[in-house]
Protein backbone atom coordinates (compact mmCIF):
# COMPACT_ATOMS: atom_id res chain seq x y z
CA MET A 1 3.95 -1.69 -13.83
CA GLY A 2 6.27 -3.51 -11.46
CA GLU A 3 5.89 -3.82 -7.73
CA PRO A 4 7.77 -1.20 -5.69
CA VAL A 5 10.94 -2.36 -4.00
CA ARG A 6 10.54 -1.97 -0.24
CA ASP A 7 13.15 -1.01 2.36
CA VAL A 8 16.07 -0.16 0.06
CA ALA A 9 18.41 0.27 3.03
CA ASN A 10 18.40 -3.50 3.56
CA LEU A 11 19.94 -4.00 0.11
CA PHE A 12 23.27 -2.55 1.28
CA PRO A 13 25.84 -4.68 3.15
CA TYR A 14 26.77 -1.92 5.65
CA PRO A 15 23.74 -1.40 7.90
CA ASP A 16 25.51 1.11 10.16
CA ALA A 17 26.56 3.40 7.31
CA GLU A 18 24.64 6.63 6.88
CA LEU A 19 23.54 6.78 3.27
CA THR A 20 21.67 9.34 1.23
CA LEU A 21 19.83 7.52 -1.51
CA ILE A 22 19.53 9.54 -4.71
CA ASN A 23 17.35 8.31 -7.54
CA HIS A 24 18.13 9.56 -11.06
CA ARG A 25 15.01 10.63 -13.02
CA GLY A 26 12.78 8.85 -10.52
CA LEU A 27 13.91 5.67 -12.22
CA SER A 28 12.14 2.76 -10.62
CA PRO A 29 11.97 -0.84 -11.75
CA ASN A 30 9.50 -1.18 -14.63
CA MET A 31 8.31 2.43 -14.38
CA PRO A 32 8.67 5.18 -16.98
CA GLU A 33 11.20 7.81 -15.94
CA ASN A 34 10.18 11.25 -14.71
CA THR A 35 6.57 10.29 -14.04
CA LEU A 36 4.53 10.61 -10.86
CA VAL A 37 4.26 6.82 -10.62
CA ALA A 38 8.08 6.55 -10.69
CA PHE A 39 8.47 9.38 -8.15
CA ARG A 40 5.92 7.80 -5.80
CA ASN A 41 7.62 4.42 -6.12
CA SER A 42 10.98 6.04 -5.34
CA VAL A 43 9.53 7.47 -2.14
CA ALA A 44 8.05 4.07 -1.27
CA MET A 45 11.53 2.57 -1.83
CA GLY A 46 12.96 4.91 0.80
CA VAL A 47 14.84 7.20 -1.59
CA ASP A 48 15.93 10.49 0.00
CA VAL A 49 16.39 12.59 -3.15
CA ILE A 50 14.99 12.37 -6.67
CA GLU A 51 17.24 14.07 -9.22
CA ILE A 52 15.35 15.59 -12.16
CA ASP A 53 16.13 17.76 -15.17
CA LEU A 54 14.01 20.82 -15.93
CA ARG A 55 13.59 22.10 -19.48
CA PRO A 56 11.91 25.31 -20.68
CA THR A 57 9.24 25.06 -23.38
CA LYS A 58 8.77 27.50 -26.25
CA ASP A 59 6.08 29.36 -24.28
CA GLY A 60 8.30 29.69 -21.18
CA GLU A 61 6.80 26.87 -19.13
CA ILE A 62 8.93 24.25 -17.36
CA VAL A 63 8.74 20.49 -17.94
CA ILE A 64 10.58 17.57 -16.35
CA LEU A 65 12.53 15.75 -19.03
CA HIS A 66 16.03 14.27 -19.08
CA ASP A 67 16.80 14.87 -22.78
CA ASP A 68 16.79 18.08 -24.81
CA THR A 69 14.29 16.43 -27.15
CA VAL A 70 11.10 14.45 -26.57
CA ASP A 71 12.08 11.80 -29.13
CA ARG A 72 13.33 9.05 -26.81
CA SER A 73 10.81 9.25 -23.99
CA THR A 74 7.54 10.15 -25.76
CA ASN A 75 5.69 9.42 -28.96
CA GLY A 76 6.52 12.93 -30.17
CA THR A 77 9.55 14.46 -31.85
CA GLY A 78 11.45 17.70 -31.50
CA ALA A 79 13.36 19.85 -29.08
CA VAL A 80 11.55 20.79 -25.86
CA LYS A 81 12.49 24.45 -26.41
CA ASP A 82 10.58 24.40 -29.71
CA LEU A 83 7.36 22.91 -28.28
CA THR A 84 4.61 24.56 -26.25
CA LEU A 85 3.39 23.13 -22.98
CA LYS A 86 -0.06 22.57 -24.51
CA PHE A 87 1.47 20.50 -27.31
CA SER A 88 3.56 18.58 -24.77
CA TYR A 89 0.37 17.44 -23.02
CA LEU A 90 -0.68 15.66 -26.22
CA MET A 91 2.36 13.36 -26.17
CA ARG A 92 2.39 10.00 -24.47
CA ILE A 93 5.21 8.71 -22.29
CA ILE A 94 6.94 5.64 -23.67
CA CYS A 95 8.04 2.97 -21.21
CA GLN A 96 11.28 1.83 -22.80
CA ASP A 97 13.81 -0.74 -21.72
CA LEU A 98 14.97 0.81 -18.47
CA ASN A 99 18.53 -0.40 -19.06
CA ASP A 100 18.87 2.17 -21.86
CA THR A 101 20.25 5.57 -20.83
């Protein structure tokens, strides 16, 4: 995994501007999206808000996943709404090219 970026505010050319930094899916350099490692790195970067998507599973539980299916971000296949939480635990997160959306 990549090193966390520190002090994100210094990356912007307007130091006096008040900014709210929002991170989509906890996306961090070289970190798989929507994982605790990405969320922790976002906090370390100085991000104010992490935007996430919540999806219901077949058994009524809630998971954090951007897509309607698990195909792109895990080694599993299928729609989240058709999978149980227990089955979801068996899947592994895939760290894809972070430039893909």
